[in-house]
Amino acid sequence: MDRMFRVLAFWTGIFAVMFYLGHMHTTSLIFFGQTGFFLLLSYLKLTERMYIYIFGAYLTIFFAGFTYWTTFMMVPGIGE
């Protein structure tokens, strides 16, 4: 399970670099933070159950934040 967190760190790192190159600096900082978080977790040698609990908590926080952002912060029609 620790290897899967290294895979998550790799892909969030790729996304962070792409966001940075696309001049989306705030988003790239968020993804660099996630990369560091996943990389740190991957070397803690936790049990598989604990990795699942941490990932579930991460998904819950992400979906709550994403739902809040898309509902209350995004301006409708801004992409047109």
N, C-alpha and C. Protein backbone atom coordinates (compact mmCIF):
# COMPACT_ATOMS: atom_id res chain seq x y z
N MET A 1 0.83 -1.20 0.00
CA MET A 1 0.00 0.00 0.00
C MET A 1 0.87 1.26 0.00
N ASP A 2 2.02 1.18 0.60
CA ASP A 2 2.89 2.37 0.62
C ASP A 2 3.35 2.73 -0.79
N ARG A 3 3.48 1.75 -1.66
CA ARG A 3 3.87 2.05 -3.04
C ARG A 3 2.78 2.82 -3.78
N MET A 4 1.52 2.56 -3.44
CA MET A 4 0.44 3.29 -4.10
C MET A 4 0.46 4.77 -3.70
N PHE A 5 0.88 5.07 -2.49
CA PHE A 5 1.01 6.47 -2.10
C PHE A 5 2.17 7.13 -2.83
N ARG A 6 3.22 6.36 -3.16
CA ARG A 6 4.30 6.90 -3.99
C ARG A 6 3.81 7.16 -5.40
N VAL A 7 2.93 6.29 -5.90
CA VAL A 7 2.33 6.51 -7.22
C VAL A 7 1.47 7.78 -7.20
N LEU A 8 0.67 7.95 -6.14
CA LEU A 8 -0.12 9.17 -6.00
C LEU A 8 0.78 10.40 -5.94
N ALA A 9 1.90 10.29 -5.23
CA ALA A 9 2.84 11.42 -5.15
C ALA A 9 3.42 11.72 -6.52
N PHE A 10 3.73 10.69 -7.29
CA PHE A 10 4.27 10.90 -8.64
C PHE A 10 3.27 11.66 -9.50
N TRP A 11 2.01 11.20 -9.51
CA TRP A 11 1.03 11.83 -10.38
C TRP A 11 0.64 13.22 -9.92
N THR A 12 0.55 13.44 -8.62
CA THR A 12 0.26 14.81 -8.16
C THR A 12 1.45 15.72 -8.46
N GLY A 13 2.66 15.18 -8.44
CA GLY A 13 3.83 15.97 -8.82
C GLY A 13 3.79 16.34 -10.29
N ILE A 14 3.39 15.40 -11.15
CA ILE A 14 3.26 15.70 -12.58
C ILE A 14 2.21 16.80 -12.79
N PHE A 15 1.07 16.67 -12.12
CA PHE A 15 0.03 17.69 -12.24
C PHE A 15 0.53 19.04 -11.73
N ALA A 16 1.30 19.05 -10.65
CA ALA A 16 1.82 20.30 -10.10
C ALA A 16 2.73 21.00 -11.09
N VAL A 17 3.60 20.24 -11.74
CA VAL A 17 4.49 20.83 -12.74
C VAL A 17 3.69 21.37 -13.91
N MET A 18 2.71 20.62 -14.37
CA MET A 18 1.89 21.09 -15.49
C MET A 18 1.10 22.34 -15.14
N PHE A 19 0.54 22.38 -13.92
CA PHE A 19 -0.16 23.60 -13.50
C PHE A 19 0.80 24.79 -13.41
N TYR A 20 2.02 24.53 -12.93
CA TYR A 20 3.01 25.61 -12.85
C TYR A 20 3.37 26.13 -14.24
N LEU A 21 3.58 25.21 -15.17
CA LEU A 21 3.91 25.63 -16.53
C LEU A 21 2.74 26.33 -17.21
N GLY A 22 1.54 26.05 -16.75
CA GLY A 22 0.35 26.71 -17.29
C GLY A 22 0.00 28.01 -16.57
N HIS A 23 0.93 28.51 -15.74
CA HIS A 23 0.77 29.76 -15.00
C HIS A 23 -0.40 29.73 -14.03
N MET A 24 -0.67 28.56 -13.46
CA MET A 24 -1.70 28.41 -12.43
C MET A 24 -0.97 28.13 -11.11
N HIS A 25 -0.34 29.17 -10.58
CA HIS A 25 0.59 29.01 -9.46
C HIS A 25 -0.08 28.56 -8.17
N THR A 26 -1.25 29.05 -7.87
CA THR A 26 -1.94 28.63 -6.64
C THR A 26 -2.28 27.15 -6.69
N THR A 27 -2.81 26.70 -7.81
CA THR A 27 -3.15 25.29 -7.97
C THR A 27 -1.90 24.43 -7.91
N SER A 28 -0.81 24.89 -8.50
CA SER A 28 0.43 24.11 -8.47
C SER A 28 0.95 23.99 -7.04
N LEU A 29 0.81 25.03 -6.23
CA LEU A 29 1.24 24.94 -4.84
C LEU A 29 0.41 23.93 -4.06
N ILE A 30 -0.89 23.89 -4.33
CA ILE A 30 -1.76 22.90 -3.68
C ILE A 30 -1.31 21.49 -4.05
N PHE A 31 -1.01 21.27 -5.32
CA PHE A 31 -0.60 19.94 -5.76
C PHE A 31 0.80 19.59 -5.28
N PHE A 32 1.70 20.57 -5.18
CA PHE A 32 3.01 20.28 -4.58
C PHE A 32 2.86 19.88 -3.11
N GLY A 33 1.93 20.53 -2.41
CA GLY A 33 1.65 20.15 -1.03
C GLY A 33 1.11 18.73 -0.93
N GLN A 34 0.21 18.36 -1.83
CA GLN A 34 -0.31 17.00 -1.84
C GLN A 34 0.79 15.99 -2.17
N THR A 35 1.69 16.37 -3.06
CA THR A 35 2.81 15.49 -3.41
C THR A 35 3.67 15.22 -2.19
N GLY A 36 4.01 16.26 -1.45
CA GLY A 36 4.79 16.09 -0.24
C GLY A 36 4.07 15.26 0.81
N PHE A 37 2.77 15.47 0.95
CA PHE A 37 1.95 14.71 1.89
C PHE A 37 1.96 13.23 1.54
N PHE A 38 1.71 12.90 0.28
CA PHE A 38 1.68 11.50 -0.13
C PHE A 38 3.06 10.86 -0.03
N LEU A 39 4.10 11.60 -0.36
CA LEU A 39 5.46 11.05 -0.28
C LEU A 39 5.84 10.79 1.17
N LEU A 40 5.48 11.70 2.06
CA LEU A 40 5.75 11.51 3.49
C LEU A 40 5.01 10.28 4.02
N LEU A 41 3.75 10.14 3.66
CA LEU A 41 2.97 9.00 4.12
C LEU A 41 3.52 7.67 3.59
N SER A 42 4.07 7.69 2.39
CA SER A 42 4.51 6.44 1.79
C SER A 42 5.70 5.83 2.54
N TYR A 43 6.46 6.65 3.24
CA TYR A 43 7.64 6.14 3.95
C TYR A 43 7.40 5.90 5.44
N LEU A 44 6.16 6.02 5.90
CA LEU A 44 5.87 5.82 7.32
C LEU A 44 5.70 4.36 7.71
N LYS A 45 5.55 3.47 6.72
CA LYS A 45 5.39 2.04 6.97
C LYS A 45 4.21 1.75 7.91
N LEU A 46 3.05 2.33 7.59
CA LEU A 46 1.85 2.10 8.37
C LEU A 46 1.19 0.79 7.93
N THR A 47 0.19 0.37 8.67
CA THR A 47 -0.54 -0.82 8.26
C THR A 47 -1.45 -0.47 7.08
N GLU A 48 -1.88 -1.49 6.37
CA GLU A 48 -2.73 -1.26 5.21
C GLU A 48 -4.06 -0.63 5.63
N ARG A 49 -4.58 -1.03 6.76
CA ARG A 49 -5.83 -0.46 7.26
C ARG A 49 -5.67 1.03 7.53
N MET A 50 -4.55 1.43 8.10
CA MET A 50 -4.32 2.85 8.39
C MET A 50 -4.18 3.65 7.11
N TYR A 51 -3.51 3.08 6.09
CA TYR A 51 -3.42 3.76 4.80
C TYR A 51 -4.81 3.97 4.19
N ILE A 52 -5.68 2.98 4.31
CA ILE A 52 -7.03 3.09 3.79
C ILE A 52 -7.81 4.18 4.54
N TYR A 53 -7.67 4.21 5.87
CA TYR A 53 -8.34 5.24 6.67
C TYR A 53 -7.87 6.65 6.28
N ILE A 54 -6.56 6.80 6.11
CA ILE A 54 -6.01 8.11 5.74
C ILE A 54 -6.50 8.52 4.36
N PHE A 55 -6.52 7.56 3.42
CA PHE A 55 -6.99 7.88 2.08
C PHE A 55 -8.48 8.24 2.09
N GLY A 56 -9.27 7.55 2.89
CA GLY A 56 -10.69 7.87 3.01
C GLY A 56 -10.90 9.26 3.59
N ALA A 57 -10.11 9.62 4.58
CA ALA A 57 -10.20 10.97 5.16
C ALA A 57 -9.78 12.02 4.13
N TYR A 58 -8.74 11.73 3.38
CA TYR A 58 -8.28 12.64 2.33
C TYR A 58 -9.38 12.86 1.29
N LEU A 59 -10.03 11.78 0.85
CA LEU A 59 -11.11 11.92 -0.14
C LEU A 59 -12.29 12.70 0.42
N THR A 60 -12.63 12.47 1.68
CA THR A 60 -13.74 13.19 2.29
C THR A 60 -13.46 14.69 2.33
N ILE A 61 -12.28 15.06 2.76
CA ILE A 61 -11.91 16.48 2.82
C ILE A 61 -11.87 17.08 1.43
N PHE A 62 -11.31 16.35 0.46
CA PHE A 62 -11.23 16.86 -0.91
C PHE A 62 -12.61 17.09 -1.49
N PHE A 63 -13.50 16.11 -1.37
CA PHE A 63 -14.83 16.25 -1.96
C PHE A 63 -15.64 17.34 -1.27
N ALA A 64 -15.49 17.49 0.03
CA ALA A 64 -16.19 18.58 0.73
C ALA A 64 -15.68 19.93 0.25
N GLY A 65 -14.36 20.08 0.13
CA GLY A 65 -13.78 21.34 -0.36
C GLY A 65 -14.13 21.62 -1.80
N PHE A 66 -14.09 20.59 -2.63
CA PHE A 66 -14.43 20.76 -4.05
C PHE A 66 -15.89 21.14 -4.22
N THR A 67 -16.77 20.50 -3.47
CA THR A 67 -18.20 20.82 -3.54
C THR A 67 -18.46 22.25 -3.08
N TYR A 68 -17.82 22.66 -1.99
CA TYR A 68 -17.96 24.04 -1.52
C TYR A 68 -17.49 25.02 -2.58
N TRP A 69 -16.30 24.75 -3.15
CA TRP A 69 -15.73 25.67 -4.14
C TRP A 69 -16.63 25.78 -5.37
N THR A 70 -17.09 24.66 -5.90
CA THR A 70 -17.91 24.72 -7.12
C THR A 70 -19.29 25.29 -6.86
N THR A 71 -19.79 25.15 -5.64
CA THR A 71 -21.13 25.67 -5.35
C THR A 71 -21.12 27.15 -5.02
N PHE A 72 -20.18 27.59 -4.20
CA PHE A 72 -20.23 28.95 -3.67
C PHE A 72 -19.17 29.90 -4.23
N MET A 73 -18.07 29.40 -4.76
CA MET A 73 -16.99 30.29 -5.17
C MET A 73 -16.88 30.50 -6.67
N MET A 74 -17.27 29.51 -7.45
CA MET A 74 -17.15 29.64 -8.91
C MET A 74 -18.24 30.57 -9.45
N VAL A 75 -17.87 31.38 -10.42
CA VAL A 75 -18.82 32.30 -11.04
C VAL A 75 -19.39 31.62 -12.28
N PRO A 76 -20.71 31.48 -12.36
CA PRO A 76 -21.30 30.82 -13.53
C PRO A 76 -21.01 31.60 -14.81
N GLY A 77 -20.63 30.87 -15.86
CA GLY A 77 -20.39 31.47 -17.15
C GLY A 77 -19.06 32.16 -17.31
N ILE A 78 -18.14 31.96 -16.38
CA ILE A 78 -16.85 32.66 -16.47
C ILE A 78 -15.96 32.09 -17.56
N GLY A 79 -16.19 30.85 -17.96
CA GLY A 79 -15.35 30.24 -18.96
C GLY A 79 -15.77 30.54 -20.40
N GLU A 80 -16.81 31.27 -20.57
CA GLU A 80 -17.31 31.54 -21.93
C GLU A 80 -16.66 32.74 -22.53
